[in-house]
């Protein structure tokens, strides 16, 4: 089954393995220790393929980001 095109936004960190993310017109490779930010929207559509695994990654999607940002409080330093 071919990977689907995703238009959600993500912030992520690759813990182990190597992941290839195809964007419309370009492909980027992310490996252990890499961090990434993908904005939401069809113009940033992407799909991922594991190229050496297993891959362990931590991703936050745009729905969580919107909620976290809306509920975030900045505490000034004393």
C-alpha atoms as a PDB file:
ATOM      1  CA  UNK A   1       0.000   0.000   0.000  1.00  0.00           C
ATOM      2  CA  UNK A   2       1.439   3.357  -1.010  1.00  0.00           C
ATOM      3  CA  UNK A   3       1.868   5.958   1.730  1.00  0.00           C
ATOM      4  CA  UNK A   4      -0.883   8.581   1.761  1.00  0.00           C
ATOM      5  CA  UNK A   5      -0.352  12.329   1.356  1.00  0.00           C
ATOM      6  CA  UNK A   6      -0.759  14.109   4.707  1.00  0.00           C
ATOM      7  CA  UNK A   7      -1.578  17.823   4.987  1.00  0.00           C
ATOM      8  CA  UNK A   8      -1.435  18.048   8.805  1.00  0.00           C
ATOM      9  CA  UNK A   9       1.272  20.045  10.514  1.00  0.00           C
ATOM     10  CA  UNK A  10       3.907  18.272  12.601  1.00  0.00           C
ATOM     11  CA  UNK A  11       6.768  18.982  14.940  1.00  0.00           C
ATOM     12  CA  UNK A  12       8.930  15.924  15.427  1.00  0.00           C
ATOM     13  CA  UNK A  13      12.148  14.313  16.552  1.00  0.00           C
ATOM     14  CA  UNK A  14      13.730  11.155  15.108  1.00  0.00           C
ATOM     15  CA  UNK A  15      14.888   9.022  18.037  1.00  0.00           C
ATOM     16  CA  UNK A  16      16.332   6.184  15.912  1.00  0.00           C
ATOM     17  CA  UNK A  17      16.344   4.961  12.326  1.00  0.00           C
ATOM     18  CA  UNK A  18      16.054   6.862   9.070  1.00  0.00           C
ATOM     19  CA  UNK A  19      12.891   8.259   7.563  1.00  0.00           C
ATOM     20  CA  UNK A  20      12.451   9.747   4.100  1.00  0.00           C
ATOM     21  CA  UNK A  21       9.745  12.395   3.763  1.00  0.00           C
ATOM     22  CA  UNK A  22       8.564  13.267   0.279  1.00  0.00           C
ATOM     23  CA  UNK A  23       7.121  16.712  -0.255  1.00  0.00           C
ATOM     24  CA  UNK A  24       5.608  17.720  -3.568  1.00  0.00           C
ATOM     25  CA  UNK A  25       8.701  18.241  -5.681  1.00  0.00           C
ATOM     26  CA  UNK A  26      11.425  17.302  -3.178  1.00  0.00           C
ATOM     27  CA  UNK A  27      12.500  14.566  -0.789  1.00  0.00           C
ATOM     28  CA  UNK A  28      14.249  15.031   2.563  1.00  0.00           C
ATOM     29  CA  UNK A  29      15.962  12.379   4.692  1.00  0.00           C
ATOM     30  CA  UNK A  30      15.744  12.558   8.491  1.00  0.00           C
ATOM     31  CA  UNK A  31      17.928  10.391  10.739  1.00  0.00           C
ATOM     32  CA  UNK A  32      18.535   9.814  14.429  1.00  0.00           C
ATOM     33  CA  UNK A  33      18.808  13.118  16.274  1.00  0.00           C
ATOM     34  CA  UNK A  34      17.076  15.194  13.591  1.00  0.00           C
ATOM     35  CA  UNK A  35      14.201  17.498  14.455  1.00  0.00           C
ATOM     36  CA  UNK A  36      11.622  18.709  11.958  1.00  0.00           C
ATOM     37  CA  UNK A  37       8.787  21.154  11.525  1.00  0.00           C
ATOM     38  CA  UNK A  38       6.188  20.721   8.790  1.00  0.00           C
ATOM     39  CA  UNK A  39       3.525  23.454   8.534  1.00  0.00           C
ATOM     40  CA  UNK A  40      -0.102  22.429   8.033  1.00  0.00           C
ATOM     41  CA  UNK A  41      -1.826  22.871   4.685  1.00  0.00           C
ATOM     42  CA  UNK A  42      -2.070  21.297   1.251  1.00  0.00           C
ATOM     43  CA  UNK A  43       0.913  23.299   0.008  1.00  0.00           C
ATOM     44  CA  UNK A  44       3.049  21.345   2.552  1.00  0.00           C
ATOM     45  CA  UNK A  45       1.563  17.903   1.785  1.00  0.00           C
ATOM     46  CA  UNK A  46       3.996  15.103   2.544  1.00  0.00           C
ATOM     47  CA  UNK A  47       4.316  11.345   2.900  1.00  0.00           C
ATOM     48  CA  UNK A  48       6.904   9.308   4.768  1.00  0.00           C
ATOM     49  CA  UNK A  49       8.722   6.066   4.054  1.00  0.00           C
ATOM     50  CA  UNK A  50      11.039   4.183   6.419  1.00  0.00           C
ATOM     51  CA  UNK A  51      14.368   3.634   4.670  1.00  0.00           C
ATOM     52  CA  UNK A  52      16.214   1.997   7.560  1.00  0.00           C
ATOM     53  CA  UNK A  53      14.459   0.795  10.588  1.00  0.00           C
ATOM     54  CA  UNK A  54      12.994   0.354  12.886  1.00  0.00           C
ATOM     55  CA  UNK A  55      12.202   4.052  13.179  1.00  0.00           C
ATOM     56  CA  UNK A  56      11.276   5.520  16.526  1.00  0.00           C
ATOM     57  CA  UNK A  57       9.982   9.063  16.285  1.00  0.00           C
ATOM     58  CA  UNK A  58       8.030  11.513  18.397  1.00  0.00           C
ATOM     59  CA  UNK A  59       5.534  13.686  16.483  1.00  0.00           C
ATOM     60  CA  UNK A  60       3.005  16.292  17.569  1.00  0.00           C
ATOM     61  CA  UNK A  61       0.266  17.055  15.041  1.00  0.00           C
ATOM     62  CA  UNK A  62      -1.341  20.412  14.375  1.00  0.00           C
ATOM     63  CA  UNK A  63      -4.502  19.717  16.433  1.00  0.00           C
ATOM     64  CA  UNK A  64      -2.391  19.164  19.544  1.00  0.00           C
ATOM     65  CA  UNK A  65      -0.204  22.163  18.716  1.00  0.00           C
ATOM     66  CA  UNK A  66      -3.225  24.436  18.382  1.00  0.00           C
ATOM     67  CA  UNK A  67      -4.618  23.216  21.697  1.00  0.00           C
ATOM     68  CA  UNK A  68      -1.285  23.519  23.502  1.00  0.00           C
ATOM     69  CA  UNK A  69      -0.703  27.012  22.153  1.00  0.00           C
ATOM     70  CA  UNK A  70      -4.218  28.144  23.030  1.00  0.00           C
ATOM     71  CA  UNK A  71      -3.833  26.851  26.600  1.00  0.00           C
ATOM     72  CA  UNK A  72      -0.226  27.915  27.135  1.00  0.00           C
ATOM     73  CA  UNK A  73       0.626  30.471  29.770  1.00  0.00           C
ATOM     74  CA  UNK A  74       3.825  32.485  29.808  1.00  0.00           C
ATOM     75  CA  UNK A  75       5.165  33.079  33.295  1.00  0.00           C
ATOM     76  CA  UNK A  76       7.456  36.120  33.512  1.00  0.00           C
ATOM     77  CA  UNK A  77      10.817  35.661  35.185  1.00  0.00           C
ATOM     78  CA  UNK A  78      11.133  37.154  38.651  1.00  0.00           C
END
